[in-house]
Amino acid sequence: MIASIPSDCVLPDPAEVRRVRSADGTGLNVESYGPDGAPVVVLSHGWTCATAFWAPVVHQLVGEYRLVAYDQRGHGRSDTPPGAAGYSTTKLAEDLEAVLLATVPAGERAVLAGHSMGGMTIMAAADRPEVRRRTGAAVLISTGPGELVAELTVVPPAVRSTAVRRFLHRQILQSRLPLGPVTGLSKALLKYATMGPDTPADRVAACAQVVHACPTAVRHRWAGVLDTLDVHQGLARLAVPTAVVVGSHDKLTPPVHAHRMAAALTDGRGLLELDRVGHMSPVERPAEVAGEIRRMAALAAAAPSAPAPTSAAEEAVS
């Protein structure tokens, strides 16, 4: 029997869809949900995902916030860079900066919520003045600042050799094999690697649709970036109130990353560990993830207003 997709895993009709140009000219698909003029929440998705990944969280928050979700370069309906130079943490930071300049009104500050590579994007962009000016709080979800391959737990513990485990993890991460159509086997593998043991079949199916839509070449290019990722400096410079969320059964960014991030944050506001949840926490437990975003939005709203930009050029988006 084929599992249907839960209704909350389908995005509502957007209030606005726009094309935003990043610093190198890459076109980014940016979609907004919720009332214009409401506090802004910017959602940055992870490796092999797309705006649709955020659908369950959007449904939780759409009546309260202006939710801005964008496709990372190479994903969804955003442009795909033609070569290796278009894939780096610098490019991720430039893309987030462009989205914030285009969607957060002057003098206002958004809550930034990033899942996996989206959280790494927030850390990579943390020291950019325009990003700092437009950020009131952050939520780092199922993510890590570095040592990703070393901490992966996808390969079973029975493989005891550290060297062999790292080799196998690197082969899995950087595989050039196409995922092909969604099948029962592919869903079982996806659930094992990325989701908790209690995740319902329909939510596994929803994630599989999103992940399988990512082009193989894009998946491989970003895997190379993740292999050597190091955004520890950005994490240390993330000066706004920041919450951390992780699943207890996350094999891709295990809880060890969350605990390290929580300890390193300048203004850490708690670590929420979701029991029996895997890497796809916004789909597995959207109410709890939305609750942390809502909590950080309240803190951002209570903070003093952001200073106005020093020049009109800062607001220009090509």
Protein backbone atom coordinates (compact mmCIF):
# COMPACT_ATOMS: atom_id res chain seq x y z
CA MET A 1 0.00 0.00 0.00
CA ILE A 2 1.40 3.39 -1.00
CA ALA A 3 1.48 5.90 1.85
CA SER A 4 -0.32 9.16 1.13
CA ILE A 5 1.28 12.48 1.93
CA PRO A 6 -0.08 14.20 5.08
CA SER A 7 -1.98 17.40 4.33
CA ASP A 8 0.37 19.46 6.49
CA CYS A 9 3.33 18.27 4.38
CA VAL A 10 1.94 20.21 1.41
CA LEU A 11 2.66 23.94 1.41
CA PRO A 12 -0.32 26.30 1.33
CA ASP A 13 -0.57 28.77 -1.53
CA PRO A 14 2.13 31.41 -1.02
CA ALA A 15 1.23 35.04 -0.45
CA GLU A 16 4.17 36.01 -2.65
CA VAL A 17 6.77 34.35 -4.87
CA ARG A 18 9.79 36.32 -5.99
CA ARG A 19 13.20 35.88 -7.57
CA VAL A 20 16.13 37.23 -5.58
CA ARG A 21 19.62 37.56 -7.06
CA SER A 22 22.56 36.58 -4.89
CA ALA A 23 25.94 38.33 -5.05
CA ASP A 24 27.17 36.17 -7.93
CA GLY A 25 23.93 36.48 -9.90
CA THR A 26 22.45 33.13 -8.85
CA GLY A 27 18.65 33.37 -8.86
CA LEU A 28 16.95 32.19 -5.69
CA ASN A 29 13.33 31.12 -5.44
CA VAL A 30 11.80 32.88 -2.41
CA GLU A 31 8.27 32.19 -1.18
CA SER A 32 6.39 34.06 1.54
CA TYR A 33 3.46 32.80 3.61
CA GLY A 34 1.27 34.55 6.15
CA PRO A 35 0.14 38.14 6.61
CA ASP A 36 2.17 41.01 5.25
CA GLY A 37 3.41 43.21 8.09
CA ALA A 38 3.61 40.36 10.61
CA PRO A 39 6.95 39.52 12.29
CA VAL A 40 9.25 37.84 9.80
CA VAL A 41 10.63 34.31 10.16
CA VAL A 42 13.15 33.17 7.53
CA LEU A 43 13.37 29.41 6.97
CA SER A 44 16.59 27.96 5.54
CA HIS A 45 16.39 24.28 4.55
CA GLY A 46 19.05 21.62 4.48
CA TRP A 47 21.04 19.49 2.04
CA THR A 48 18.87 17.74 -0.62
CA CYS A 49 15.70 19.47 0.58
CA ALA A 50 13.61 22.45 -0.65
CA THR A 51 10.97 24.91 0.56
CA ALA A 52 8.43 22.06 0.67
CA PHE A 53 10.40 20.52 3.53
CA TRP A 54 9.16 23.34 5.79
CA ALA A 55 5.46 22.75 5.05
CA PRO A 56 4.56 21.22 8.46
CA VAL A 57 6.19 24.16 10.30
CA VAL A 58 4.60 26.69 7.95
CA HIS A 59 1.17 25.27 8.77
CA GLN A 60 1.92 25.63 12.48
CA LEU A 61 2.93 29.31 12.23
CA VAL A 62 1.28 30.79 9.13
CA GLY A 63 -1.41 32.71 11.00
CA GLU A 64 1.09 34.49 13.25
CA TYR A 65 4.15 35.32 11.16
CA ARG A 66 5.34 36.30 7.71
CA LEU A 67 7.20 33.10 6.85
CA VAL A 68 9.90 33.42 4.20
CA ALA A 69 11.19 30.13 2.78
CA TYR A 70 13.77 29.96 0.03
CA ASP A 71 15.35 27.21 -2.04
CA GLN A 72 19.08 26.91 -1.43
CA ARG A 73 21.07 27.22 -4.66
CA GLY A 74 20.82 24.06 -6.74
CA HIS A 75 17.69 22.96 -4.88
CA GLY A 76 14.03 23.37 -5.73
CA ARG A 77 13.40 26.22 -8.17
CA SER A 78 16.60 28.14 -7.46
CA ASP A 79 19.37 28.30 -10.05
CA THR A 80 22.02 25.58 -10.16
CA PRO A 81 25.61 26.89 -10.18
CA PRO A 82 27.51 25.67 -13.24
CA GLY A 83 30.74 24.72 -11.47
CA ALA A 84 32.43 23.98 -8.16
CA ALA A 85 33.03 27.69 -7.46
CA GLY A 86 29.30 28.11 -6.88
CA TYR A 87 29.27 25.74 -3.90
CA SER A 88 30.73 26.93 -0.58
CA THR A 89 29.74 28.23 2.83
CA THR A 90 30.53 31.73 1.52
CA LYS A 91 27.90 31.26 -1.20
CA LEU A 92 25.40 30.02 1.37
CA ALA A 93 26.03 33.14 3.45
CA GLU A 94 25.70 35.42 0.42
CA ASP A 95 22.38 33.80 -0.48
CA LEU A 96 20.94 34.25 3.00
CA GLU A 97 22.14 37.86 3.02
CA ALA A 98 20.39 38.52 -0.30
CA VAL A 99 17.15 36.98 0.96
CA LEU A 100 17.22 39.08 4.14
CA LEU A 101 17.90 42.29 2.20
CA ALA A 102 14.94 41.51 -0.05
CA THR A 103 12.40 40.42 2.55
CA VAL A 104 13.14 42.05 5.92
CA PRO A 105 12.07 45.72 5.98
CA ALA A 106 14.63 48.31 7.03
CA GLY A 107 14.81 48.62 10.81
CA GLU A 108 13.16 45.24 11.44
CA ARG A 109 14.71 41.96 12.48
CA ALA A 110 13.71 38.43 11.58
CA VAL A 111 13.99 35.12 13.36
CA LEU A 112 16.27 32.83 11.37
CA ALA A 113 15.47 29.13 11.55
CA GLY A 114 17.88 26.77 9.82
CA HIS A 115 17.70 23.00 9.47
CA SER A 116 20.90 21.01 8.84
CA MET A 117 22.76 22.85 6.04
CA GLY A 118 20.33 25.72 6.66
CA GLY A 119 21.64 26.02 10.22
CA MET A 120 25.18 25.92 8.85
CA THR A 121 24.14 28.77 6.54
CA ILE A 122 23.10 30.88 9.52
CA MET A 123 26.42 30.21 11.24
CA ALA A 124 28.37 30.99 8.05
CA ALA A 125 26.56 34.32 7.68
CA ALA A 126 26.64 35.35 11.34
CA ASP A 127 29.45 37.89 11.03
CA ARG A 128 28.00 39.79 8.04
CA PRO A 129 26.84 43.29 9.12
CA GLU A 130 23.69 43.21 6.99
CA VAL A 131 22.73 39.82 8.40
CA ARG A 132 23.41 40.91 11.97
CA ARG A 133 21.33 44.04 11.43
CA ARG A 134 18.34 42.05 10.24
CA THR A 135 18.48 39.15 12.71
CA GLY A 136 16.68 39.25 16.04
CA ALA A 137 17.00 35.60 17.08
CA ALA A 138 17.89 32.21 15.65
CA VAL A 139 16.96 28.54 15.91
CA LEU A 140 19.58 25.97 14.90
CA ILE A 141 17.81 22.70 14.09
CA SER A 142 19.47 19.32 13.57
CA THR A 143 22.76 20.84 12.50
CA GLY A 144 26.44 21.18 13.38
CA PRO A 145 29.39 23.53 12.81
CA GLY A 146 31.96 20.94 11.64
CA GLU A 147 33.44 17.46 12.06
CA LEU A 148 30.36 16.09 10.31
CA VAL A 149 31.89 12.93 8.88
CA ALA A 150 33.67 12.14 12.15
CA GLU A 151 30.40 12.22 14.09
CA LEU A 152 28.05 10.47 11.64
CA THR A 153 26.38 7.37 13.09
CA VAL A 154 24.73 5.99 9.94
CA VAL A 155 27.11 3.00 9.75
CA PRO A 156 26.11 0.49 12.45
CA PRO A 157 28.25 0.34 15.62
CA ALA A 158 29.25 -3.21 14.70
CA VAL A 159 31.82 -1.62 12.38
CA ARG A 160 34.21 -0.74 15.19
CA SER A 161 37.19 0.57 13.24
CA THR A 162 37.12 4.37 13.29
CA ALA A 163 39.00 4.59 10.00
CA VAL A 164 36.62 2.18 8.27
CA ARG A 165 33.57 3.96 9.66
CA ARG A 166 34.82 7.33 8.42
CA PHE A 167 35.62 5.85 5.00
CA LEU A 168 32.15 4.33 4.67
CA HIS A 169 30.44 7.48 5.90
CA ARG A 170 32.34 9.57 3.37
CA GLN A 171 31.33 7.17 0.58
CA ILE A 172 27.68 7.42 1.64
CA LEU A 173 27.79 11.21 1.94
CA GLN A 174 29.46 11.82 -1.42
CA SER A 175 27.81 9.09 -3.47
CA ARG A 176 27.29 9.96 -7.14
CA LEU A 177 24.58 7.33 -7.56
CA PRO A 178 21.18 8.74 -8.55
CA LEU A 179 18.45 8.09 -6.00
CA GLY A 180 15.98 7.15 -8.71
CA PRO A 181 12.23 6.84 -8.10
CA VAL A 182 10.79 6.61 -4.61
CA THR A 183 10.34 2.93 -3.71
CA GLY A 184 9.61 0.93 -0.60
CA LEU A 185 13.30 0.14 -0.23
CA SER A 186 14.41 3.76 -0.70
CA LYS A 187 11.92 4.92 1.91
CA ALA A 188 13.15 2.28 4.34
CA LEU A 189 16.75 3.39 3.81
CA LEU A 190 15.80 7.07 4.15
CA LYS A 191 13.94 6.38 7.38
CA TYR A 192 16.89 4.43 8.80
CA ALA A 193 19.40 7.15 7.94
CA THR A 194 17.41 10.31 8.61
CA MET A 195 14.32 9.71 10.74
CA GLY A 196 13.37 8.31 14.11
CA PRO A 197 11.96 4.82 14.69
CA ASP A 198 8.44 6.08 15.38
CA THR A 199 8.09 8.27 12.28
CA PRO A 200 4.86 7.35 10.43
CA ALA A 201 5.10 6.00 6.88
CA ASP A 202 3.29 8.98 5.37
CA ARG A 203 5.87 11.41 6.78
CA VAL A 204 8.71 9.24 5.50
CA ALA A 205 7.02 9.34 2.09
CA ALA A 206 6.75 13.14 2.23
CA CYS A 207 10.47 13.48 2.99
CA ALA A 208 11.35 10.98 0.27
CA GLN A 209 9.53 13.04 -2.35
CA VAL A 210 11.56 16.12 -1.42
CA VAL A 211 14.95 14.38 -1.11
CA HIS A 212 14.62 12.36 -4.33
CA ALA A 213 13.87 15.56 -6.26
CA CYS A 214 17.37 16.92 -5.56
CA PRO A 215 19.62 16.54 -8.65
CA THR A 216 22.42 14.01 -8.19
CA ALA A 217 25.14 16.46 -9.22
CA VAL A 218 23.89 19.07 -6.74
CA ARG A 219 23.73 16.50 -3.97
CA HIS A 220 27.32 15.48 -4.69
CA ARG A 221 28.65 19.05 -4.93
CA TRP A 222 27.17 20.05 -1.58
CA ALA A 223 28.38 16.80 0.00
CA GLY A 224 31.91 17.88 -0.81
CA VAL A 225 31.34 21.17 1.01
CA LEU A 226 29.86 19.39 4.04
CA ASP A 227 32.81 17.00 4.16
CA THR A 228 35.22 19.83 5.06
CA LEU A 229 32.72 22.23 6.65
CA ASP A 230 33.98 24.46 9.45
CA VAL A 231 31.73 27.32 10.61
CA HIS A 232 32.83 27.36 14.25
CA GLN A 233 33.90 31.01 14.00
CA GLY A 234 30.45 31.97 12.75
CA LEU A 235 28.83 30.07 15.60
CA ALA A 236 30.94 32.03 18.09
CA ARG A 237 29.88 35.31 16.43
CA LEU A 238 26.16 34.52 16.48
CA ALA A 239 25.28 37.13 19.06
CA VAL A 240 21.45 37.00 19.07
CA PRO A 241 19.30 34.81 21.34
CA THR A 242 19.63 31.33 19.86
CA ALA A 243 17.89 28.04 20.58
CA VAL A 244 19.19 24.62 19.54
CA VAL A 245 16.98 21.67 18.57
CA VAL A 246 18.07 18.08 17.90
CA GLY A 247 16.55 14.61 17.72
CA SER A 248 17.87 11.98 20.09
CA HIS A 249 18.13 9.53 17.15
CA ASP A 250 19.73 11.94 14.66
CA LYS A 251 22.40 9.95 12.79
CA LEU A 252 23.52 12.78 10.46
CA THR A 253 24.08 15.51 13.05
CA PRO A 254 23.96 13.61 16.36
CA PRO A 255 23.22 15.34 19.67
CA VAL A 256 26.95 15.78 20.35
CA HIS A 257 26.85 18.70 17.89
CA ALA A 258 23.87 20.30 19.61
CA HIS A 259 25.55 20.15 23.01
CA ARG A 260 28.75 21.67 21.63
CA MET A 261 26.82 24.47 19.92
CA ALA A 262 24.77 25.23 23.01
CA ALA A 263 28.00 25.52 25.04
CA ALA A 264 29.68 27.78 22.45
CA LEU A 265 26.82 30.24 21.85
CA THR A 266 27.20 33.80 23.08
CA ASP A 267 23.48 34.04 23.90
CA GLY A 268 22.24 30.48 24.06
CA ARG A 269 18.61 30.11 25.08
CA GLY A 270 18.30 26.40 25.59
CA LEU A 271 18.70 23.02 23.92
CA LEU A 272 15.59 21.01 23.08
CA GLU A 273 16.30 17.31 22.51
CA LEU A 274 13.32 15.51 20.97
CA ASP A 275 13.06 11.92 22.12
CA ARG A 276 13.08 9.20 19.42
CA VAL A 277 13.32 11.80 16.64
CA GLY A 278 15.83 11.66 13.81
CA HIS A 279 17.41 14.27 11.57
CA MET A 280 14.17 15.47 9.93
CA SER A 281 12.76 17.03 13.10
CA PRO A 282 10.68 19.78 11.37
CA VAL A 283 8.71 17.03 9.59
CA GLU A 284 8.76 14.51 12.44
CA ARG A 285 7.78 16.91 15.25
CA PRO A 286 6.68 20.21 13.68
CA ALA A 287 4.73 21.44 16.72
CA GLU A 288 7.79 21.37 18.97
CA VAL A 289 10.03 22.95 16.33
CA ALA A 290 7.44 25.66 15.71
CA GLY A 291 7.22 26.19 19.45
CA GLU A 292 10.93 27.00 19.63
CA ILE A 293 10.62 29.41 16.70
CA ARG A 294 7.66 31.07 18.43
CA ARG A 295 9.65 31.33 21.67
CA MET A 296 12.59 32.97 19.92
CA ALA A 297 10.24 35.33 18.06
CA ALA A 298 8.89 36.53 21.40
CA LEU A 299 12.42 37.24 22.61
CA ALA A 300 13.24 39.09 19.38
CA ALA A 301 10.08 41.18 19.70
CA ALA A 302 11.01 42.20 23.24
CA ALA A 303 14.50 43.38 22.22
CA PRO A 304 15.29 46.99 21.22
CA SER A 305 14.66 47.88 17.58
CA ALA A 306 17.44 47.34 15.08
CA PRO A 307 19.30 50.43 13.87
CA ALA A 308 18.30 51.73 10.44
CA PRO A 309 20.61 50.95 7.52
CA THR A 310 23.31 53.52 6.87
CA SER A 311 22.66 53.69 3.14
CA ALA A 312 19.94 52.93 0.64
CA ALA A 313 22.38 50.73 -1.25
CA GLU A 314 22.15 48.15 1.53
CA GLU A 315 18.51 47.62 0.61
CA ALA A 316 19.10 47.19 -3.12
CA VAL A 317 18.57 43.75 -4.57
CA SER A 318 19.46 43.17 -8.19
